[in-house]
Amino acid sequence: MAMMIFPTSSRLILRRLSTTSSSSSLLSLAASEQASTLIPATIKNHVVSFSRPSCAAIAKPTRFMSTQQQKTPIANANSPPPEKLSPEAGLGAQDAMKLFVQHGVGRRKLNDIAADKGKTPLVDRWQKMVATYIETQCHVITLLGYTPDERGIGLYTQHLQQAMASSSPEVQDMLRIAGRDTYRMVLANAFDLPLMEEQESKGEISIVDARNIMHKVSLRMQDPEVLEKVAKICSVSVETNDSPEAQQIDMARKHTVIQQVMVDDVYLAGGDDSLVNECGFGTGEDGYVRMQFAMAEHQGDPLITQYVGAAMMKLLESAGIDVSALQQQAQGGQA
């Protein structure tokens, strides 16, 4: 995936965004997508084209997304969707995202997230960050004629990939960098860190180092103790019926469990001996965020995708999530 499009692996959010204007509904769906947010965007989209916040999965009602009076502009239902997307339009969409993230409602929401540091858990704030990203992206693609739902995000992503495939290497890199920088801007604002300035002084991490780091991450993700912990927590059902809504809630809960375990037991376990510190990003939450920021440069690397994709499958299976069913659902939704 050329752009950092949080969406393609997000089913729950997209559906809800097209049927409700309630931000708390949007947030209550986001958790299911968040399990994969803790790994590079490529992996998220490679492994899980299921419920990832593309416009529809963000957990827990909260004042953070108090946009209940706001409504995403809906494309004319009688108008056919775009048949293709030009590279210029793709770049323009990223410019619009940056505008809203830097100066619009998106920035205010990201500032609210940053202000909650030390008050709310990292996973909750990460989910809110993704929700803001997705909500903003849905507004932008709607103005290009796509619907702000799962199908619209999927079609937009497909058209963007087609545009990149037919573009020159120079244009492809422009699109990749535009998406990367938009995501990085969201990260820096949401966690109030001088990440852009630090990157300019240090330069990009090499592909060799990035692969080594994500190989370590993938091994830690498959540690028997990590898999057992996920399985134990997820084995306790909190739902009292088998309705579709209850199943969605349970799915979101399991994704949140995976995300929390990845933060606590994969990236940050051990304090000074944590994985993020071992890889040179520092300790604690800030080290984790810096690592995600750095890895965005290599989000499309196939070897990294292979490493973390296989490990994420193990985590999903441990959580009792039917991966094959999710993949079939994703394919059906994009058909």
Protein backbone atom coordinates (compact mmCIF):
# COMPACT_ATOMS: atom_id res chain seq x y z
CA MET A 1 0.00 0.00 0.00
CA ALA A 2 1.45 3.20 -1.14
CA MET A 3 -0.32 5.61 1.14
CA MET A 4 -0.79 5.33 4.84
CA ILE A 5 -4.46 4.60 4.51
CA PHE A 6 -5.54 3.42 7.91
CA PRO A 7 -8.69 2.13 6.34
CA THR A 8 -8.57 -0.91 4.13
CA SER A 9 -8.66 -3.16 7.14
CA SER A 10 -11.53 -1.47 8.77
CA ARG A 11 -14.95 -2.80 8.36
CA LEU A 12 -16.90 -1.81 11.41
CA ILE A 13 -16.18 1.88 11.25
CA LEU A 14 -17.01 2.27 7.62
CA ARG A 15 -20.41 0.73 7.96
CA ARG A 16 -21.30 2.89 10.92
CA LEU A 17 -20.06 6.13 9.44
CA SER A 18 -22.47 5.73 6.56
CA THR A 19 -25.43 5.06 8.85
CA THR A 20 -24.90 7.38 11.79
CA SER A 21 -23.51 10.77 12.60
CA SER A 22 -22.78 9.87 16.19
CA SER A 23 -19.14 10.06 17.01
CA SER A 24 -19.53 7.92 20.03
CA SER A 25 -20.82 5.17 17.75
CA LEU A 26 -17.73 5.60 15.62
CA LEU A 27 -15.49 5.36 18.63
CA SER A 28 -17.29 2.36 20.03
CA LEU A 29 -16.29 0.46 16.93
CA ALA A 30 -12.70 1.43 16.68
CA ALA A 31 -11.20 -1.08 19.01
CA SER A 32 -11.64 -3.91 16.59
CA GLU A 33 -9.36 -2.19 14.17
CA GLN A 34 -6.81 -1.20 16.70
CA ALA A 35 -5.19 -4.54 17.21
CA SER A 36 -3.35 -4.05 13.97
CA THR A 37 -2.53 -0.40 14.53
CA LEU A 38 0.34 -1.41 16.67
CA ILE A 39 2.20 -2.74 13.70
CA PRO A 40 3.22 -1.00 10.50
CA ALA A 41 0.37 0.07 8.32
CA THR A 42 1.24 -2.35 5.61
CA ILE A 43 0.83 -5.28 7.86
CA LYS A 44 -2.43 -3.98 9.18
CA ASN A 45 -3.83 -3.89 5.72
CA HIS A 46 -2.09 -7.06 4.57
CA VAL A 47 -3.29 -9.23 7.40
CA VAL A 48 -6.50 -7.64 8.42
CA SER A 49 -8.84 -6.24 5.93
CA PHE A 50 -11.43 -6.85 8.54
CA SER A 51 -12.46 -4.40 11.14
CA ARG A 52 -9.89 -1.76 11.04
CA PRO A 53 -10.75 1.89 11.34
CA SER A 54 -11.12 2.95 7.87
CA CYS A 55 -14.13 4.83 8.82
CA ALA A 56 -15.81 2.64 11.25
CA ALA A 57 -14.19 1.04 14.19
CA ILE A 58 -13.16 3.08 17.12
CA ALA A 59 -13.75 2.10 20.68
CA LYS A 60 -15.74 3.48 23.57
CA PRO A 61 -18.02 6.45 23.63
CA THR A 62 -16.12 9.54 24.64
CA ARG A 63 -16.32 13.24 24.46
CA PHE A 64 -13.27 13.09 22.23
CA MET A 65 -15.34 12.66 19.11
CA SER A 66 -18.26 14.81 20.11
CA THR A 67 -19.32 15.52 16.58
CA GLN A 68 -22.88 14.44 16.98
CA GLN A 69 -24.11 17.52 15.21
CA GLN A 70 -21.63 17.04 12.41
CA LYS A 71 -22.48 14.87 9.47
CA THR A 72 -20.11 13.51 6.91
CA PRO A 73 -21.18 14.83 3.50
CA ILE A 74 -22.74 11.93 1.66
CA ALA A 75 -22.09 11.49 -2.02
CA ASN A 76 -25.20 11.65 -4.18
CA ALA A 77 -26.66 8.16 -4.02
CA ASN A 78 -27.82 8.49 -7.62
CA SER A 79 -24.38 9.44 -8.89
CA PRO A 80 -22.04 6.65 -9.97
CA PRO A 81 -18.77 6.43 -8.05
CA PRO A 82 -15.54 7.54 -9.73
CA GLU A 83 -14.15 5.09 -12.24
CA LYS A 84 -10.55 5.98 -11.54
CA LEU A 85 -8.31 8.30 -9.58
CA SER A 86 -5.52 10.36 -11.05
CA PRO A 87 -2.17 10.64 -9.25
CA GLU A 88 -2.83 14.37 -8.96
CA ALA A 89 -6.10 13.68 -7.15
CA GLY A 90 -4.34 11.27 -4.81
CA LEU A 91 -1.76 13.90 -3.95
CA GLY A 92 -4.51 16.47 -3.55
CA ALA A 93 -6.33 14.21 -1.12
CA GLN A 94 -3.20 13.98 1.01
CA ASP A 95 -2.78 17.75 0.91
CA ALA A 96 -6.38 18.12 2.11
CA MET A 97 -5.75 15.61 4.90
CA LYS A 98 -2.70 17.57 6.00
CA LEU A 99 -4.68 20.81 6.00
CA PHE A 100 -7.39 19.40 8.26
CA VAL A 101 -4.91 17.61 10.50
CA GLN A 102 -2.72 20.67 10.89
CA HIS A 103 -5.30 23.44 11.05
CA GLY A 104 -8.84 22.06 11.20
CA VAL A 105 -11.11 20.06 13.47
CA GLY A 106 -8.72 17.14 13.18
CA ARG A 107 -5.96 19.16 14.82
CA ARG A 108 -8.21 20.13 17.71
CA LYS A 109 -9.08 16.50 18.30
CA LEU A 110 -5.44 15.47 18.16
CA ASN A 111 -4.61 18.22 20.64
CA ASP A 112 -7.28 16.82 22.97
CA ILE A 113 -5.64 13.40 22.71
CA ALA A 114 -2.24 14.88 23.52
CA ALA A 115 -3.71 16.65 26.54
CA ASP A 116 -4.90 13.30 27.92
CA LYS A 117 -1.37 11.92 28.24
CA GLY A 118 -0.95 10.51 31.71
CA LYS A 119 -4.71 10.53 32.23
CA THR A 120 -5.85 7.79 29.85
CA PRO A 121 -4.11 4.61 28.65
CA LEU A 122 -1.99 4.61 25.50
CA VAL A 123 -4.29 2.16 23.73
CA ASP A 124 -7.33 4.39 24.27
CA ARG A 125 -5.53 7.43 22.91
CA TRP A 126 -4.16 5.44 19.99
CA GLN A 127 -7.67 4.36 19.08
CA LYS A 128 -8.87 7.95 19.21
CA MET A 129 -5.99 8.99 16.98
CA VAL A 130 -6.95 6.40 14.40
CA ALA A 131 -10.57 7.48 14.64
CA THR A 132 -9.58 11.06 13.87
CA TYR A 133 -7.45 9.97 10.93
CA ILE A 134 -10.22 7.88 9.47
CA GLU A 135 -12.96 10.38 10.02
CA THR A 136 -10.87 13.03 8.26
CA GLN A 137 -10.06 10.73 5.39
CA CYS A 138 -13.71 9.85 4.93
CA HIS A 139 -14.59 13.53 4.63
CA VAL A 140 -11.87 14.02 2.02
CA ILE A 141 -12.73 11.07 -0.21
CA THR A 142 -16.42 11.97 -0.10
CA LEU A 143 -15.55 15.24 -1.80
CA LEU A 144 -13.92 13.18 -4.56
CA GLY A 145 -17.19 11.32 -5.11
CA TYR A 146 -16.58 8.22 -2.98
CA THR A 147 -19.04 7.18 -0.31
CA PRO A 148 -17.87 7.48 3.33
CA ASP A 149 -18.28 3.79 4.00
CA GLU A 150 -16.44 0.52 3.61
CA ARG A 151 -17.11 0.27 -0.10
CA GLY A 152 -16.03 3.86 -0.71
CA ILE A 153 -12.76 3.44 1.16
CA GLY A 154 -12.08 0.16 -0.61
CA LEU A 155 -12.76 1.66 -4.03
CA TYR A 156 -10.65 4.72 -3.28
CA THR A 157 -7.76 2.52 -2.15
CA GLN A 158 -8.09 0.33 -5.23
CA HIS A 159 -8.08 3.35 -7.53
CA LEU A 160 -5.09 4.83 -5.75
CA GLN A 161 -3.13 1.62 -6.15
CA GLN A 162 -4.03 1.50 -9.84
CA ALA A 163 -2.92 5.11 -10.25
CA MET A 164 0.39 4.33 -8.63
CA ALA A 165 0.94 1.25 -10.74
CA SER A 166 0.62 3.27 -13.93
CA SER A 167 2.71 6.20 -12.68
CA SER A 168 6.41 6.87 -13.07
CA PRO A 169 8.71 5.88 -10.19
CA GLU A 170 9.00 9.55 -9.27
CA VAL A 171 5.24 9.98 -8.93
CA GLN A 172 4.94 6.70 -7.03
CA ASP A 173 7.45 7.95 -4.51
CA MET A 174 5.63 11.28 -4.22
CA LEU A 175 2.42 9.44 -3.34
CA ARG A 176 4.20 7.16 -0.88
CA ILE A 177 5.89 10.05 0.87
CA ALA A 178 2.68 12.09 0.97
CA GLY A 179 0.83 9.29 2.75
CA ARG A 180 3.73 8.60 5.09
CA ASP A 181 4.06 12.25 6.07
CA THR A 182 0.33 12.62 6.69
CA TYR A 183 0.41 9.68 9.08
CA ARG A 184 3.52 11.02 10.77
CA MET A 185 1.88 14.40 11.24
CA VAL A 186 -1.06 12.69 12.94
CA LEU A 187 1.31 10.79 15.25
CA ALA A 188 3.35 13.85 16.17
CA ASN A 189 0.27 15.93 16.97
CA ALA A 190 -1.59 13.21 18.85
CA PHE A 191 1.34 12.49 21.16
CA ASP A 192 2.85 15.98 21.23
CA LEU A 193 6.37 14.89 20.32
CA PRO A 194 8.88 16.72 18.05
CA LEU A 195 9.03 13.69 15.79
CA MET A 196 9.34 15.55 12.49
CA GLU A 197 12.28 17.60 13.80
CA GLU A 198 13.98 14.50 15.25
CA GLN A 199 13.63 12.66 11.97
CA GLU A 200 15.15 15.53 10.01
CA SER A 201 18.22 15.51 12.23
CA LYS A 202 18.64 11.74 12.38
CA GLY A 203 17.52 10.72 8.90
CA GLU A 204 15.48 7.66 7.93
CA ILE A 205 16.09 4.22 9.36
CA SER A 206 17.65 1.84 6.82
CA ILE A 207 15.65 -0.98 5.29
CA VAL A 208 18.07 -3.50 6.81
CA ASP A 209 17.58 -2.10 10.30
CA ALA A 210 13.81 -1.88 9.79
CA ARG A 211 13.63 -5.53 8.77
CA ASN A 212 15.74 -6.62 11.73
CA ILE A 213 13.55 -4.66 14.12
CA MET A 214 10.30 -6.07 12.78
CA HIS A 215 11.75 -9.56 12.80
CA LYS A 216 12.36 -9.13 16.54
CA VAL A 217 8.82 -7.81 16.94
CA SER A 218 7.36 -10.79 15.08
CA LEU A 219 9.28 -13.25 17.25
CA ARG A 220 8.08 -11.53 20.42
CA MET A 221 4.50 -11.59 19.12
CA GLN A 222 4.73 -15.37 18.76
CA ASP A 223 6.21 -15.97 22.19
CA PRO A 224 4.18 -18.76 23.84
CA GLU A 225 3.51 -16.62 26.92
CA VAL A 226 2.13 -13.80 24.77
CA LEU A 227 -0.12 -16.14 22.80
CA GLU A 228 -1.31 -17.84 25.99
CA LYS A 229 -2.14 -14.52 27.62
CA VAL A 230 -4.24 -13.43 24.63
CA ALA A 231 -6.04 -16.76 24.55
CA LYS A 232 -6.79 -16.69 28.27
CA ILE A 233 -8.23 -13.19 28.30
CA CYS A 234 -10.23 -13.65 25.11
CA SER A 235 -11.67 -17.00 26.22
CA VAL A 236 -13.90 -15.21 28.72
CA SER A 237 -17.02 -14.15 26.85
CA VAL A 238 -18.78 -11.03 28.09
CA GLU A 239 -21.69 -11.19 25.65
CA THR A 240 -25.00 -12.77 26.60
CA ASN A 241 -26.43 -13.43 23.13
CA ASP A 242 -25.38 -14.25 19.58
CA SER A 243 -26.87 -11.23 17.84
CA PRO A 244 -24.75 -9.54 15.12
CA GLU A 245 -24.35 -6.51 17.35
CA ALA A 246 -23.13 -8.62 20.26
CA GLN A 247 -20.70 -10.43 17.97
CA GLN A 248 -19.31 -7.11 16.76
CA ILE A 249 -18.83 -5.93 20.32
CA ASP A 250 -17.06 -9.15 21.23
CA MET A 251 -14.87 -8.87 18.14
CA ALA A 252 -13.92 -5.30 19.11
CA ARG A 253 -13.09 -6.48 22.62
CA LYS A 254 -10.76 -9.18 21.30
CA HIS A 255 -8.97 -6.74 19.03
CA THR A 256 -8.47 -4.38 21.96
CA VAL A 257 -7.05 -7.26 24.01
CA ILE A 258 -4.54 -8.01 21.25
CA GLN A 259 -3.54 -4.38 21.03
CA GLN A 260 -3.11 -4.04 24.78
CA VAL A 261 -1.02 -7.21 24.98
CA MET A 262 1.15 -6.02 22.10
CA VAL A 263 1.82 -2.73 23.88
CA ASP A 264 2.40 -4.24 27.33
CA ASP A 265 4.05 -7.56 26.50
CA VAL A 266 5.63 -7.13 23.08
CA TYR A 267 6.88 -3.55 22.82
CA LEU A 268 7.15 -2.16 26.36
CA ALA A 269 7.68 -5.17 28.65
CA GLY A 270 10.87 -4.99 30.70
CA GLY A 271 11.23 -1.24 31.18
CA ASP A 272 14.83 -0.39 30.31
CA ASP A 273 15.14 -3.82 28.70
CA SER A 274 12.04 -3.34 26.55
CA LEU A 275 12.03 -4.08 22.85
CA VAL A 276 11.60 -0.44 21.87
CA ASN A 277 14.58 0.58 24.01
CA GLU A 278 16.66 -2.31 22.71
CA CYS A 279 15.96 -1.05 19.17
CA GLY A 280 17.14 2.44 20.06
CA PHE A 281 13.86 4.35 20.40
CA GLY A 282 13.88 4.95 24.14
CA THR A 283 11.65 3.62 26.87
CA GLY A 284 7.94 3.77 27.55
CA GLU A 285 5.18 5.29 25.51
CA ASP A 286 7.38 7.86 23.79
CA GLY A 287 9.73 5.13 22.62
CA TYR A 288 6.83 3.16 21.22
CA VAL A 289 5.48 6.16 19.31
CA ARG A 290 8.96 6.97 17.96
CA MET A 291 9.27 3.42 16.71
CA GLN A 292 5.96 3.58 14.86
CA PHE A 293 6.98 6.92 13.37
CA ALA A 294 10.28 5.54 12.08
CA MET A 295 8.80 2.33 10.70
CA ALA A 296 6.34 4.29 8.54
CA GLU A 297 9.14 4.79 6.03
CA HIS A 298 9.16 1.07 5.22
CA GLN A 299 5.46 0.27 5.58
CA GLY A 300 5.31 -1.31 2.13
CA ASP A 301 8.30 -3.63 2.43
CA PRO A 302 7.20 -7.18 1.54
CA LEU A 303 9.58 -8.89 3.96
CA ILE A 304 8.34 -6.81 6.89
CA THR A 305 4.78 -7.58 5.83
CA GLN A 306 5.63 -11.27 5.79
CA TYR A 307 7.24 -11.18 9.23
CA VAL A 308 4.50 -9.37 11.06
CA GLY A 309 1.66 -10.74 8.97
CA ALA A 310 2.44 -14.31 10.00
CA ALA A 311 2.83 -13.30 13.64
CA MET A 312 -0.43 -11.36 13.66
CA MET A 313 -2.24 -14.39 12.29
CA LYS A 314 -1.02 -16.35 15.32
CA LEU A 315 -2.31 -13.68 17.68
CA LEU A 316 -5.68 -13.54 15.96
CA GLU A 317 -6.01 -17.31 16.15
CA SER A 318 -5.09 -17.25 19.84
CA ALA A 319 -7.84 -14.71 20.39
CA GLY A 320 -10.35 -17.09 18.85
CA ILE A 321 -10.86 -14.95 15.74
CA ASP A 322 -11.72 -16.82 12.54
CA VAL A 323 -9.14 -15.28 10.21
CA SER A 324 -10.35 -17.06 7.08
CA ALA A 325 -13.90 -15.84 7.68
CA LEU A 326 -12.65 -12.29 8.12
CA GLN A 327 -10.67 -12.49 4.91
CA GLN A 328 -13.69 -13.80 3.02
CA GLN A 329 -15.81 -11.00 4.48
CA ALA A 330 -13.22 -8.44 3.42
CA GLN A 331 -13.10 -9.81 -0.12
CA GLY A 332 -16.88 -9.80 -0.29
CA GLY A 333 -17.06 -6.22 0.87
CA GLN A 334 -14.68 -5.07 -1.85
CA ALA A 335 -16.32 -7.03 -4.64
